[in-house]
C-alpha atoms as a PDB file:
ATOM      1  CA  MET A   1      -8.775   6.910  -7.659  1.00  0.00           C
ATOM      2  CA  PHE A   2      -8.094   3.210  -7.160  1.00  0.00           C
ATOM      3  CA  TYR A   3     -11.612   2.415  -8.326  1.00  0.00           C
ATOM      4  CA  LEU A   4     -11.299   4.625 -11.396  1.00  0.00           C
ATOM      5  CA  CYS A   5      -7.940   3.133 -12.301  1.00  0.00           C
ATOM      6  CA  ARG A   6      -8.523  -0.540 -11.630  1.00  0.00           C
ATOM      7  CA  LEU A   7     -12.240  -0.980 -12.224  1.00  0.00           C
ATOM      8  CA  GLU A   8     -13.180   1.791 -14.654  1.00  0.00           C
ATOM      9  CA  ASN A   9      -9.887   1.472 -16.584  1.00  0.00           C
ATOM     10  CA  LEU A  10      -9.166   5.200 -16.674  1.00  0.00           C
ATOM     11  CA  LYS A  11      -5.579   6.189 -17.329  1.00  0.00           C
ATOM     12  CA  MET A  12      -3.604   7.846 -14.565  1.00  0.00           C
ATOM     13  CA  ARG A  13      -3.449  11.020 -16.666  1.00  0.00           C
ATOM     14  CA  GLU A  14      -7.243  11.084 -17.045  1.00  0.00           C
ATOM     15  CA  ILE A  15      -7.749  10.660 -13.314  1.00  0.00           C
ATOM     16  CA  GLY A  16      -5.233  13.404 -12.620  1.00  0.00           C
ATOM     17  CA  ASN A  17      -7.107  15.728 -14.936  1.00  0.00           C
ATOM     18  CA  LEU A  18     -10.386  14.971 -13.136  1.00  0.00           C
ATOM     19  CA  TYR A  19      -8.882  15.818  -9.740  1.00  0.00           C
ATOM     20  CA  GLY A  20      -6.567  18.575 -10.894  1.00  0.00           C
ATOM     21  CA  ILE A  21      -3.431  16.770  -9.734  1.00  0.00           C
ATOM     22  CA  SER A  22      -0.371  15.310 -11.419  1.00  0.00           C
ATOM     23  CA  GLU A  23      -0.159  11.834 -12.851  1.00  0.00           C
ATOM     24  CA  SER A  24       2.520  10.942 -10.300  1.00  0.00           C
ATOM     25  CA  ALA A  25       0.230  12.023  -7.448  1.00  0.00           C
ATOM     26  CA  VAL A  26      -2.435   9.666  -8.780  1.00  0.00           C
ATOM     27  CA  GLU A  27       0.130   6.855  -9.003  1.00  0.00           C
ATOM     28  CA  LYS A  28       1.085   7.427  -5.366  1.00  0.00           C
ATOM     29  CA  GLN A  29      -2.548   7.372  -4.236  1.00  0.00           C
ATOM     30  CA  VAL A  30      -3.314   4.181  -6.178  1.00  0.00           C
ATOM     31  CA  ALA A  31      -0.198   2.519  -4.721  1.00  0.00           C
ATOM     32  CA  LYS A  32      -1.241   3.624  -1.224  1.00  0.00           C
ATOM     33  CA  ALA A  33      -4.726   2.148  -1.726  1.00  0.00           C
ATOM     34  CA  LEU A  34      -3.287  -1.116  -3.023  1.00  0.00           C
ATOM     35  CA  SER A  35      -0.953  -1.317  -0.024  1.00  0.00           C
ATOM     36  CA  HIS A  36      -3.867  -0.704   2.328  1.00  0.00           C
ATOM     37  CA  LEU A  37      -5.983  -3.407   0.683  1.00  0.00           C
ATOM     38  CA  THR A  38      -3.105  -5.873   0.772  1.00  0.00           C
ATOM     39  CA  ARG A  39      -2.592  -5.262   4.504  1.00  0.00           C
ATOM     40  CA  ARG A  40      -6.316  -5.701   5.132  1.00  0.00           C
ATOM     41  CA  ILE A  41      -6.391  -9.003   3.251  1.00  0.00           C
ATOM     42  CA  TYR A  42      -3.116 -10.543   4.409  1.00  0.00           C
ATOM     43  CA  GLY A  43      -2.482  -8.752   7.697  1.00  0.00           C
ATOM     44  CA  ASP A  44       0.438  -6.625   8.795  1.00  0.00           C
ATOM     45  CA  ASP A  45       2.949  -9.492   8.899  1.00  0.00           C
END
């Protein structure tokens, strides 16, 4: 979902439709992925 949103420029609504989930669920997953990547880059500090 992160890839589709950030790199393929799909809208959250479009991604939700692809996966059969709500737009807010997509937003949560993208935020979770961004948080994970940030921790991996900068550490858990």
